[in-house]
Each structure stands twice: as structure tokens, then as C-alpha cells.
PDB file of N, CA and C in Angstrom:
ATOM      1  N   MET A   1     -16.547 -49.712 -13.436  1.00  0.00           N
ATOM      2  CA  MET A   1     -17.649 -49.088 -14.134  1.00  0.00           C
ATOM      3  C   MET A   1     -18.739 -50.131 -14.366  1.00  0.00           C
ATOM      4  N   LEU A   2     -19.972 -49.775 -14.035  1.00  0.00           N
ATOM      5  CA  LEU A   2     -21.106 -50.658 -14.256  1.00  0.00           C
ATOM      6  C   LEU A   2     -21.789 -50.304 -15.566  1.00  0.00           C
ATOM      7  N   VAL A   3     -22.189 -51.345 -16.302  1.00  0.00           N
ATOM      8  CA  VAL A   3     -22.810 -51.185 -17.612  1.00  0.00           C
ATOM      9  C   VAL A   3     -24.195 -51.809 -17.579  1.00  0.00           C
ATOM     10  N   ARG A   4     -25.195 -51.095 -18.096  1.00  0.00           N
ATOM     11  CA  ARG A   4     -26.537 -51.667 -18.183  1.00  0.00           C
ATOM     12  C   ARG A   4     -26.556 -52.689 -19.311  1.00  0.00           C
ATOM     13  N   VAL A   5     -27.022 -53.910 -18.991  1.00  0.00           N
ATOM     14  CA  VAL A   5     -27.050 -54.975 -20.000  1.00  0.00           C
ATOM     15  C   VAL A   5     -28.451 -55.459 -20.303  1.00  0.00           C
ATOM     16  N   GLY A   6     -29.415 -55.063 -19.491  1.00  0.00           N
ATOM     17  CA  GLY A   6     -30.793 -55.506 -19.697  1.00  0.00           C
ATOM     18  C   GLY A   6     -31.601 -55.259 -18.448  1.00  0.00           C
ATOM     19  N   SER A   7     -32.623 -56.094 -18.295  1.00  0.00           N
ATOM     20  CA  SER A   7     -33.522 -55.997 -17.157  1.00  0.00           C
ATOM     21  C   SER A   7     -33.267 -57.131 -16.184  1.00  0.00           C
ATOM     22  N   SER A   8     -33.479 -56.866 -14.910  1.00  0.00           N
ATOM     23  CA  SER A   8     -33.343 -57.932 -13.914  1.00  0.00           C
ATOM     24  C   SER A   8     -34.348 -59.050 -14.168  1.00  0.00           C
ATOM     25  N   ASN A   9     -35.413 -58.752 -14.873  1.00  0.00           N
ATOM     26  CA  ASN A   9     -36.422 -59.759 -15.218  1.00  0.00           C
ATOM     27  C   ASN A   9     -35.951 -60.696 -16.332  1.00  0.00           C
ATOM     28  N   ASP A  10     -34.807 -60.395 -16.946  1.00  0.00           N
ATOM     29  CA  ASP A  10     -34.268 -61.222 -18.032  1.00  0.00           C
ATOM     30  C   ASP A  10     -33.664 -62.538 -17.535  1.00  0.00           C
ATOM     31  N   VAL A  11     -33.449 -62.663 -16.223  1.00  0.00           N
ATOM     32  CA  VAL A  11     -32.820 -63.859 -15.659  1.00  0.00           C
ATOM     33  C   VAL A  11     -33.839 -64.557 -14.756  1.00  0.00           C
ATOM     34  N   ALA A  12     -34.310 -65.719 -15.190  1.00  0.00           N
ATOM     35  CA  ALA A  12     -35.307 -66.472 -14.418  1.00  0.00           C
ATOM     36  C   ALA A  12     -34.673 -67.070 -13.164  1.00  0.00           C
ATOM     37  N   ALA A  13     -35.469 -67.255 -12.138  1.00  0.00           N
ATOM     38  CA  ALA A  13     -34.999 -67.866 -10.892  1.00  0.00           C
ATOM     39  C   ALA A  13     -34.415 -69.246 -11.176  1.00  0.00           C
ATOM     40  N   GLY A  14     -33.231 -69.511 -10.627  1.00  0.00           N
ATOM     41  CA  GLY A  14     -32.572 -70.803 -10.803  1.00  0.00           C
ATOM     42  C   GLY A  14     -31.935 -71.006 -12.161  1.00  0.00           C
ATOM     43  N   ALA A  15     -31.819 -69.930 -12.933  1.00  0.00           N
ATOM     44  CA  ALA A  15     -31.304 -70.040 -14.304  1.00  0.00           C
ATOM     45  C   ALA A  15     -30.063 -69.165 -14.490  1.00  0.00           C
ATOM     46  N   ILE A  16     -29.436 -69.352 -15.655  1.00  0.00           N
ATOM     47  CA  ILE A  16     -28.270 -68.570 -16.067  1.00  0.00           C
ATOM     48  C   ILE A  16     -28.597 -67.925 -17.402  1.00  0.00           C
ATOM     49  N   ARG A  17     -28.145 -66.705 -17.583  1.00  0.00           N
ATOM     50  CA  ARG A  17     -28.292 -66.028 -18.868  1.00  0.00           C
ATOM     51  C   ARG A  17     -26.992 -65.326 -19.181  1.00  0.00           C
ATOM     52  N   VAL A  18     -26.579 -65.388 -20.440  1.00  0.00           N
ATOM     53  CA  VAL A  18     -25.333 -64.755 -20.859  1.00  0.00           C
ATOM     54  C   VAL A  18     -25.643 -63.394 -21.488  1.00  0.00           C
ATOM     55  N   PHE A  19     -24.811 -62.404 -21.157  1.00  0.00           N
ATOM     56  CA  PHE A  19     -24.937 -61.041 -21.667  1.00  0.00           C
ATOM     57  C   PHE A  19     -23.599 -60.604 -22.242  1.00  0.00           C
ATOM     58  N   ASP A  20     -23.646 -59.639 -23.151  1.00  0.00           N
ATOM     59  CA  ASP A  20     -22.432 -59.030 -23.673  1.00  0.00           C
ATOM     60  C   ASP A  20     -22.126 -57.801 -22.826  1.00  0.00           C
ATOM     61  N   VAL A  21     -20.961 -57.797 -22.205  1.00  0.00           N
ATOM     62  CA  VAL A  21     -20.539 -56.660 -21.388  1.00  0.00           C
ATOM     63  C   VAL A  21     -19.250 -56.122 -21.993  1.00  0.00           C
ATOM     64  N   ALA A  22     -19.374 -55.035 -22.720  1.00  0.00           N
ATOM     65  CA  ALA A  22     -18.216 -54.391 -23.350  1.00  0.00           C
ATOM     66  C   ALA A  22     -17.391 -55.384 -24.169  1.00  0.00           C
ATOM     67  N   GLY A  23     -18.082 -56.263 -24.920  1.00  0.00           N
ATOM     68  CA  GLY A  23     -17.404 -57.212 -25.795  1.00  0.00           C
ATOM     69  C   GLY A  23     -17.009 -58.529 -25.157  1.00  0.00           C
ATOM     70  N   THR A  24     -17.328 -58.724 -23.891  1.00  0.00           N
ATOM     71  CA  THR A  24     -17.028 -59.972 -23.187  1.00  0.00           C
ATOM     72  C   THR A  24     -18.332 -60.649 -22.787  1.00  0.00           C
ATOM     73  N   LYS A  25     -18.411 -61.963 -22.997  1.00  0.00           N
ATOM     74  CA  LYS A  25     -19.596 -62.700 -22.567  1.00  0.00           C
ATOM     75  C   LYS A  25     -19.530 -62.924 -21.063  1.00  0.00           C
ATOM     76  N   VAL A  26     -20.593 -62.505 -20.391  1.00  0.00           N
ATOM     77  CA  VAL A  26     -20.679 -62.610 -18.934  1.00  0.00           C
ATOM     78  C   VAL A  26     -22.012 -63.264 -18.584  1.00  0.00           C
ATOM     79  N   ASN A  27     -21.959 -64.238 -17.679  1.00  0.00           N
ATOM     80  CA  ASN A  27     -23.174 -64.908 -17.213  1.00  0.00           C
ATOM     81  C   ASN A  27     -23.716 -64.219 -15.982  1.00  0.00           C
ATOM     82  N   VAL A  28     -25.048 -64.253 -15.876  1.00  0.00           N
ATOM     83  CA  VAL A  28     -25.704 -63.848 -14.641  1.00  0.00           C
ATOM     84  C   VAL A  28     -26.545 -65.037 -14.209  1.00  0.00           C
ATOM     85  N   ALA A  29     -26.320 -65.483 -12.970  1.00  0.00           N
ATOM     86  CA  ALA A  29     -27.080 -66.587 -12.399  1.00  0.00           C
ATOM     87  C   ALA A  29     -27.998 -66.031 -11.313  1.00  0.00           C
ATOM     88  N   SER A  30     -29.231 -66.532 -11.283  1.00  0.00           N
ATOM     89  CA  SER A  30     -30.194 -66.143 -10.256  1.00  0.00           C
ATOM     90  C   SER A  30     -30.357 -67.307  -9.292  1.00  0.00           C
ATOM     91  N   VAL A  31     -29.911 -67.106  -8.049  1.00  0.00           N
ATOM     92  CA  VAL A  31     -29.948 -68.157  -7.036  1.00  0.00           C
ATOM     93  C   VAL A  31     -30.581 -67.598  -5.762  1.00  0.00           C
ATOM     94  N   SER A  32     -31.679 -68.176  -5.358  1.00  0.00           N
ATOM     95  CA  SER A  32     -32.350 -67.791  -4.104  1.00  0.00           C
ATOM     96  C   SER A  32     -32.578 -66.286  -4.005  1.00  0.00           C
ATOM     97  N   GLY A  33     -33.012 -65.681  -5.104  1.00  0.00           N
ATOM     98  CA  GLY A  33     -33.330 -64.269  -5.105  1.00  0.00           C
ATOM     99  C   GLY A  33     -32.145 -63.327  -5.251  1.00  0.00           C
ATOM    100  N   ARG A  34     -30.936 -63.867  -5.398  1.00  0.00           N
ATOM    101  CA  ARG A  34     -29.745 -63.043  -5.599  1.00  0.00           C
ATOM    102  C   ARG A  34     -29.170 -63.286  -6.980  1.00  0.00           C
ATOM    103  N   LEU A  35     -28.532 -62.256  -7.528  1.00  0.00           N
ATOM    104  CA  LEU A  35     -27.897 -62.361  -8.836  1.00  0.00           C
ATOM    105  C   LEU A  35     -26.384 -62.357  -8.673  1.00  0.00           C
ATOM    106  N   TYR A  36     -25.723 -63.226  -9.454  1.00  0.00           N
ATOM    107  CA  TYR A  36     -24.267 -63.340  -9.436  1.00  0.00           C
ATOM    108  C   TYR A  36     -23.769 -63.271 -10.876  1.00  0.00           C
ATOM    109  N   ALA A  37     -22.717 -62.494 -11.114  1.00  0.00           N
ATOM    110  CA  ALA A  37     -22.163 -62.339 -12.458  1.00  0.00           C
ATOM    111  C   ALA A  37     -20.735 -62.868 -12.494  1.00  0.00           C
ATOM    112  N   PHE A  38     -20.419 -63.556 -13.602  1.00  0.00           N
ATOM    113  CA  PHE A  38     -19.086 -64.150 -13.766  1.00  0.00           C
ATOM    114  C   PHE A  38     -18.848 -64.390 -15.250  1.00  0.00           C
ATOM    115  N   ASP A  39     -17.583 -64.395 -15.643  1.00  0.00           N
ATOM    116  CA  ASP A  39     -17.240 -64.597 -17.048  1.00  0.00           C
ATOM    117  C   ASP A  39     -17.761 -65.938 -17.548  1.00  0.00           C
ATOM    118  N   ASP A  40     -18.096 -65.976 -18.839  1.00  0.00           N
ATOM    119  CA  ASP A  40     -18.725 -67.146 -19.438  1.00  0.00           C
ATOM    120  C   ASP A  40     -17.749 -68.273 -19.767  1.00  0.00           C
ATOM    121  N   ALA A  41     -16.504 -67.960 -20.048  1.00  0.00           N
ATOM    122  CA  ALA A  41     -15.554 -68.978 -20.514  1.00  0.00           C
ATOM    123  C   ALA A  41     -14.967 -69.774 -19.351  1.00  0.00           C
ATOM    124  N   CYS A  42     -15.108 -71.094 -19.413  1.00  0.00           N
ATOM    125  CA  CYS A  42     -14.487 -71.981 -18.421  1.00  0.00           C
ATOM    126  C   CYS A  42     -12.973 -71.817 -18.518  1.00  0.00           C
ATOM    127  N   THR A  43     -12.316 -71.763 -17.381  1.00  0.00           N
ATOM    128  CA  THR A  43     -10.868 -71.558 -17.370  1.00  0.00           C
ATOM    129  C   THR A  43     -10.093 -72.820 -17.731  1.00  0.00           C
ATOM    130  N   HIS A  44     -10.782 -73.925 -17.928  1.00  0.00           N
ATOM    131  CA  HIS A  44     -10.108 -75.164 -18.336  1.00  0.00           C
ATOM    132  C   HIS A  44      -9.853 -75.160 -19.837  1.00  0.00           C
ATOM    133  N   ARG A  45     -10.909 -75.086 -20.634  1.00  0.00           N
ATOM    134  CA  ARG A  45     -10.755 -75.122 -22.090  1.00  0.00           C
ATOM    135  C   ARG A  45     -11.575 -74.068 -22.818  1.00  0.00           C
ATOM    136  N   GLY A  46     -12.152 -73.130 -22.083  1.00  0.00           N
ATOM    137  CA  GLY A  46     -12.870 -72.026 -22.714  1.00  0.00           C
ATOM    138  C   GLY A  46     -14.304 -72.310 -23.117  1.00  0.00           C
ATOM    139  N   CYS A  47     -14.859 -73.433 -22.705  1.00  0.00           N
ATOM    140  CA  CYS A  47     -16.260 -73.749 -23.023  1.00  0.00           C
ATOM    141  C   CYS A  47     -17.187 -72.733 -22.364  1.00  0.00           C
ATOM    142  N   SER A  48     -18.347 -72.538 -22.971  1.00  0.00           N
ATOM    143  CA  SER A  48     -19.343 -71.639 -22.402  1.00  0.00           C
ATOM    144  C   SER A  48     -19.944 -72.242 -21.145  1.00  0.00           C
ATOM    145  N   LEU A  49     -19.876 -71.493 -20.053  1.00  0.00           N
ATOM    146  CA  LEU A  49     -20.474 -71.963 -18.810  1.00  0.00           C
ATOM    147  C   LEU A  49     -21.991 -71.791 -18.806  1.00  0.00           C
ATOM    148  N   ALA A  50     -22.510 -70.998 -19.747  1.00  0.00           N
ATOM    149  CA  ALA A  50     -23.962 -70.811 -19.844  1.00  0.00           C
ATOM    150  C   ALA A  50     -24.665 -72.117 -20.194  1.00  0.00           C
ATOM    151  N   ASN A  51     -23.930 -73.056 -20.768  1.00  0.00           N
ATOM    152  CA  ASN A  51     -24.496 -74.360 -21.127  1.00  0.00           C
ATOM    153  C   ASN A  51     -24.395 -75.359 -19.976  1.00  0.00           C
ATOM    154  N   GLY A  52     -23.821 -74.931 -18.852  1.00  0.00           N
ATOM    155  CA  GLY A  52     -23.602 -75.822 -17.722  1.00  0.00           C
ATOM    156  C   GLY A  52     -24.851 -76.055 -16.900  1.00  0.00           C
ATOM    157  N   ASP A  53     -24.680 -76.864 -15.869  1.00  0.00           N
ATOM    158  CA  ASP A  53     -25.767 -77.233 -14.971  1.00  0.00           C
ATOM    159  C   ASP A  53     -25.611 -76.469 -13.663  1.00  0.00           C
ATOM    160  N   LEU A  54     -26.638 -75.679 -13.320  1.00  0.00           N
ATOM    161  CA  LEU A  54     -26.625 -74.899 -12.087  1.00  0.00           C
ATOM    162  C   LEU A  54     -27.408 -75.653 -11.021  1.00  0.00           C
ATOM    163  N   ASP A  55     -26.736 -75.946  -9.903  1.00  0.00           N
ATOM    164  CA  ASP A  55     -27.362 -76.626  -8.770  1.00  0.00           C
ATOM    165  C   ASP A  55     -27.058 -75.803  -7.526  1.00  0.00           C
ATOM    166  N   GLY A  56     -28.023 -75.006  -7.110  1.00  0.00           N
ATOM    167  CA  GLY A  56     -27.761 -74.049  -6.029  1.00  0.00           C
ATOM    168  C   GLY A  56     -26.742 -73.042  -6.503  1.00  0.00           C
ATOM    169  N   THR A  57     -25.643 -72.911  -5.773  1.00  0.00           N
ATOM    170  CA  THR A  57     -24.593 -71.965  -6.173  1.00  0.00           C
ATOM    171  C   THR A  57     -23.433 -72.656  -6.889  1.00  0.00           C
ATOM    172  N   THR A  58     -23.613 -73.943  -7.224  1.00  0.00           N
ATOM    173  CA  THR A  58     -22.572 -74.694  -7.928  1.00  0.00           C
ATOM    174  C   THR A  58     -22.925 -74.827  -9.397  1.00  0.00           C
ATOM    175  N   LEU A  59     -21.994 -74.429 -10.258  1.00  0.00           N
ATOM    176  CA  LEU A  59     -22.167 -74.536 -11.701  1.00  0.00           C
ATOM    177  C   LEU A  59     -21.179 -75.566 -12.235  1.00  0.00           C
ATOM    178  N   THR A  60     -21.695 -76.566 -12.948  1.00  0.00           N
ATOM    179  CA  THR A  60     -20.851 -77.596 -13.546  1.00  0.00           C
ATOM    180  C   THR A  60     -20.739 -77.345 -15.037  1.00  0.00           C
ATOM    181  N   CYS A  61     -19.516 -77.219 -15.530  1.00  0.00           N
ATOM    182  CA  CYS A  61     -19.264 -76.993 -16.948  1.00  0.00           C
ATOM    183  C   CYS A  61     -19.717 -78.207 -17.741  1.00  0.00           C
ATOM    184  N   ALA A  62     -20.433 -77.976 -18.821  1.00  0.00           N
ATOM    185  CA  ALA A  62     -20.966 -79.055 -19.650  1.00  0.00           C
ATOM    186  C   ALA A  62     -19.884 -79.789 -20.429  1.00  0.00           C
ATOM    187  N   CYS A  63     -18.738 -79.171 -20.639  1.00  0.00           N
ATOM    188  CA  CYS A  63     -17.700 -79.799 -21.463  1.00  0.00           C
ATOM    189  C   CYS A  63     -16.891 -80.872 -20.727  1.00  0.00           C
ATOM    190  N   HIS A  64     -16.343 -80.532 -19.565  1.00  0.00           N
ATOM    191  CA  HIS A  64     -15.437 -81.464 -18.902  1.00  0.00           C
ATOM    192  C   HIS A  64     -15.718 -81.635 -17.412  1.00  0.00           C
ATOM    193  N   GLY A  65     -16.828 -81.060 -16.930  1.00  0.00           N
ATOM    194  CA  GLY A  65     -17.254 -81.300 -15.561  1.00  0.00           C
ATOM    195  C   GLY A  65     -16.614 -80.470 -14.472  1.00  0.00           C
ATOM    196  N   ALA A  66     -15.839 -79.439 -14.837  1.00  0.00           N
ATOM    197  CA  ALA A  66     -15.287 -78.559 -13.801  1.00  0.00           C
ATOM    198  C   ALA A  66     -16.448 -77.895 -13.066  1.00  0.00           C
ATOM    199  N   ARG A  67     -16.272 -77.675 -11.768  1.00  0.00           N
ATOM    200  CA  ARG A  67     -17.320 -77.052 -10.963  1.00  0.00           C
ATOM    201  C   ARG A  67     -16.811 -75.743 -10.378  1.00  0.00           C
ATOM    202  N   PHE A  68     -17.709 -74.740 -10.409  1.00  0.00           N
ATOM    203  CA  PHE A  68     -17.382 -73.412  -9.909  1.00  0.00           C
ATOM    204  C   PHE A  68     -18.467 -72.938  -8.946  1.00  0.00           C
ATOM    205  N   ASP A  69     -18.065 -72.117  -7.983  1.00  0.00           N
ATOM    206  CA  ASP A  69     -18.994 -71.456  -7.073  1.00  0.00           C
ATOM    207  C   ASP A  69     -19.389 -70.137  -7.741  1.00  0.00           C
ATOM    208  N   VAL A  70     -20.672 -69.967  -8.082  1.00  0.00           N
ATOM    209  CA  VAL A  70     -21.092 -68.763  -8.801  1.00  0.00           C
ATOM    210  C   VAL A  70     -21.021 -67.515  -7.927  1.00  0.00           C
ATOM    211  N   THR A  71     -20.954 -67.673  -6.615  1.00  0.00           N
ATOM    212  CA  THR A  71     -20.881 -66.506  -5.738  1.00  0.00           C
ATOM    213  C   THR A  71     -19.500 -65.867  -5.732  1.00  0.00           C
ATOM    214  N   SER A  72     -18.475 -66.631  -6.091  1.00  0.00           N
ATOM    215  CA  SER A  72     -17.101 -66.125  -6.030  1.00  0.00           C
ATOM    216  C   SER A  72     -16.269 -66.417  -7.283  1.00  0.00           C
ATOM    217  N   GLY A  73     -16.708 -67.386  -8.080  1.00  0.00           N
ATOM    218  CA  GLY A  73     -15.930 -67.819  -9.238  1.00  0.00           C
ATOM    219  C   GLY A  73     -14.915 -68.898  -8.905  1.00  0.00           C
ATOM    220  N   ASP A  74     -14.803 -69.254  -7.628  1.00  0.00           N
ATOM    221  CA  ASP A  74     -13.807 -70.237  -7.190  1.00  0.00           C
ATOM    222  C   ASP A  74     -14.054 -71.624  -7.788  1.00  0.00           C
ATOM    223  N   VAL A  75     -12.960 -72.332  -8.047  1.00  0.00           N
ATOM    224  CA  VAL A  75     -13.028 -73.710  -8.531  1.00  0.00           C
ATOM    225  C   VAL A  75     -13.382 -74.614  -7.351  1.00  0.00           C
ATOM    226  N   LEU A  76     -14.403 -75.435  -7.534  1.00  0.00           N
ATOM    227  CA  LEU A  76     -14.790 -76.408  -6.515  1.00  0.00           C
ATOM    228  C   LEU A  76     -14.282 -77.797  -6.866  1.00  0.00           C
ATOM    229  N   ARG A  77     -14.120 -78.044  -8.181  1.00  0.00           N
ATOM    230  CA  ARG A  77     -13.589 -79.329  -8.647  1.00  0.00           C
ATOM    231  C   ARG A  77     -13.003 -79.133 -10.044  1.00  0.00           C
ATOM    232  N   GLY A  78     -11.866 -79.752 -10.296  1.00  0.00           N
ATOM    233  CA  GLY A  78     -11.197 -79.677 -11.601  1.00  0.00           C
ATOM    234  C   GLY A  78     -11.964 -80.439 -12.652  1.00  0.00           C
ATOM    235  N   PRO A  79     -11.461 -80.363 -13.866  1.00  0.00           N
ATOM    236  CA  PRO A  79     -10.077 -80.122 -14.245  1.00  0.00           C
ATOM    237  C   PRO A  79      -9.640 -78.652 -14.269  1.00  0.00           C
ATOM    238  N   ALA A  80     -10.555 -77.696 -14.159  1.00  0.00           N
ATOM    239  CA  ALA A  80     -10.133 -76.288 -14.111  1.00  0.00           C
ATOM    240  C   ALA A  80      -9.277 -76.069 -12.871  1.00  0.00           C
ATOM    241  N   GLU A  81      -8.266 -75.221 -13.015  1.00  0.00           N
ATOM    242  CA  GLU A  81      -7.384 -74.911 -11.885  1.00  0.00           C
ATOM    243  C   GLU A  81      -7.482 -73.461 -11.452  1.00  0.00           C
ATOM    244  N   ARG A  82      -8.002 -72.609 -12.329  1.00  0.00           N
ATOM    245  CA  ARG A  82      -8.122 -71.183 -12.034  1.00  0.00           C
ATOM    246  C   ARG A  82      -9.594 -70.792 -11.923  1.00  0.00           C
ATOM    247  N   PRO A  83      -9.921 -69.863 -11.029  1.00  0.00           N
ATOM    248  CA  PRO A  83     -11.310 -69.418 -10.913  1.00  0.00           C
ATOM    249  C   PRO A  83     -11.732 -68.619 -12.138  1.00  0.00           C
ATOM    250  N   VAL A  84     -13.040 -68.522 -12.351  1.00  0.00           N
ATOM    251  CA  VAL A  84     -13.555 -67.613 -13.364  1.00  0.00           C
ATOM    252  C   VAL A  84     -13.693 -66.242 -12.708  1.00  0.00           C
ATOM    253  N   ARG A  85     -13.590 -65.199 -13.504  1.00  0.00           N
ATOM    254  CA  ARG A  85     -13.698 -63.845 -12.959  1.00  0.00           C
ATOM    255  C   ARG A  85     -15.131 -63.581 -12.509  1.00  0.00           C
ATOM    256  N   SER A  86     -15.262 -63.222 -11.248  1.00  0.00           N
ATOM    257  CA  SER A  86     -16.538 -62.816 -10.686  1.00  0.00           C
ATOM    258  C   SER A  86     -16.670 -61.310 -10.881  1.00  0.00           C
ATOM    259  N   ARG A  87     -17.877 -60.842 -11.170  1.00  0.00           N
ATOM    260  CA  ARG A  87     -18.090 -59.421 -11.426  1.00  0.00           C
ATOM    261  C   ARG A  87     -19.194 -58.867 -10.533  1.00  0.00           C
ATOM    262  N   THR A  88     -19.100 -57.601 -10.235  1.00  0.00           N
ATOM    263  CA  THR A  88     -20.139 -56.929  -9.469  1.00  0.00           C
ATOM    264  C   THR A  88     -21.404 -56.849 -10.314  1.00  0.00           C
ATOM    265  N   VAL A  89     -22.537 -57.122  -9.691  1.00  0.00           N
ATOM    266  CA  VAL A  89     -23.835 -56.995 -10.358  1.00  0.00           C
ATOM    267  C   VAL A  89     -24.755 -56.214  -9.436  1.00  0.00           C
ATOM    268  N   GLN A  90     -25.497 -55.268 -10.023  1.00  0.00           N
ATOM    269  CA  GLN A  90     -26.441 -54.462  -9.253  1.00  0.00           C
ATOM    270  C   GLN A  90     -27.740 -54.342 -10.033  1.00  0.00           C
ATOM    271  N   VAL A  91     -28.818 -54.128  -9.288  1.00  0.00           N
ATOM    272  CA  VAL A  91     -30.115 -53.861  -9.893  1.00  0.00           C
ATOM    273  C   VAL A  91     -30.558 -52.493  -9.403  1.00  0.00           C
ATOM    274  N   GLU A  92     -30.875 -51.614 -10.349  1.00  0.00           N
ATOM    275  CA  GLU A  92     -31.411 -50.285 -10.040  1.00  0.00           C
ATOM    276  C   GLU A  92     -32.757 -50.182 -10.718  1.00  0.00           C
ATOM    277  N   GLY A  93     -33.819 -50.198  -9.914  1.00  0.00           N
ATOM    278  CA  GLY A  93     -35.163 -50.316 -10.485  1.00  0.00           C
ATOM    279  C   GLY A  93     -35.257 -51.706 -11.063  1.00  0.00           C
ATOM    280  N   THR A  94     -35.412 -51.799 -12.390  1.00  0.00           N
ATOM    281  CA  THR A  94     -35.339 -53.098 -13.063  1.00  0.00           C
ATOM    282  C   THR A  94     -34.104 -53.195 -13.939  1.00  0.00           C
ATOM    283  N   ASP A  95     -33.271 -52.141 -13.968  1.00  0.00           N
ATOM    284  CA  ASP A  95     -32.051 -52.167 -14.783  1.00  0.00           C
ATOM    285  C   ASP A  95     -31.018 -53.111 -14.168  1.00  0.00           C
ATOM    286  N   LEU A  96     -30.477 -53.986 -15.013  1.00  0.00           N
ATOM    287  CA  LEU A  96     -29.429 -54.910 -14.611  1.00  0.00           C
ATOM    288  C   LEU A  96     -28.092 -54.320 -15.013  1.00  0.00           C
ATOM    289  N   LEU A  97     -27.229 -54.067 -14.015  1.00  0.00           N
ATOM    290  CA  LEU A  97     -25.930 -53.449 -14.238  1.00  0.00           C
ATOM    291  C   LEU A  97     -24.834 -54.428 -13.843  1.00  0.00           C
ATOM    292  N   ILE A  98     -23.830 -54.567 -14.740  1.00  0.00           N
ATOM    293  CA  ILE A  98     -22.720 -55.489 -14.496  1.00  0.00           C
ATOM    294  C   ILE A  98     -21.405 -54.747 -14.678  1.00  0.00           C
ATOM    295  N   GLU A  99     -20.444 -55.109 -13.840  1.00  0.00           N
ATOM    296  CA  GLU A  99     -19.108 -54.516 -13.905  1.00  0.00           C
ATOM    297  C   GLU A  99     -18.447 -54.848 -15.240  1.00  0.00           C
ATOM    298  N   ALA A 100     -17.947 -53.807 -15.904  1.00  0.00           N
ATOM    299  CA  ALA A 100     -17.260 -53.992 -17.193  1.00  0.00           C
ATOM    300  C   ALA A 100     -15.805 -54.310 -16.956  1.00  0.00           C
TER     301      ALA A 100
END
């Protein structure tokens, strides 16, 4: 099920924004004109990934340096061992819809 969380204009190019999706914090990253959605909590220690550094499609957690691929949620470098949940994201008109 997709849930409207805001406008596609709410996420600046090259940036990350966190939204509440049915009680869960979910990030949306804008990379090269595409939007990617993934859970906010780092799988290492639960730090917010919204505070991390986005470089292309690689997101580095600000707490302990784990790196994730925002297109899939896959771990690129530890200390995290498990991927973050990637979610479907769609834009209809300007409505931003994310998988709940």
C-alpha cells in the first residue's frame, strides 16, 4: 500500500528528507532526478540515516560510518551487517507516495 507523505518538491536534488510513513521514519533521497525510499534507522545501532552524508547513491551513517546503497538498501561497508529496508516510492502529479 502506498501512502501520500508530501510533495515531490519536498526533497531537494542531492538531499535526503525524512518522512513519517504509518508511524515509521522513512528517508527519501533525490539522486540524479530519481527518488529512493528506505528506512531511517541504521541497522548497526539505530542512528538516523537522515543525518548521514549522501555521495551519489552512497549514504554514510554519521554515527559509525556504515555505508549503504540508497537504491537497494544494501550494505556497502560495515560495521552494519544487514541492509536497511528499501521501499517503493512513486510520484503522481506532485504527490509523493511511499510504501507503508
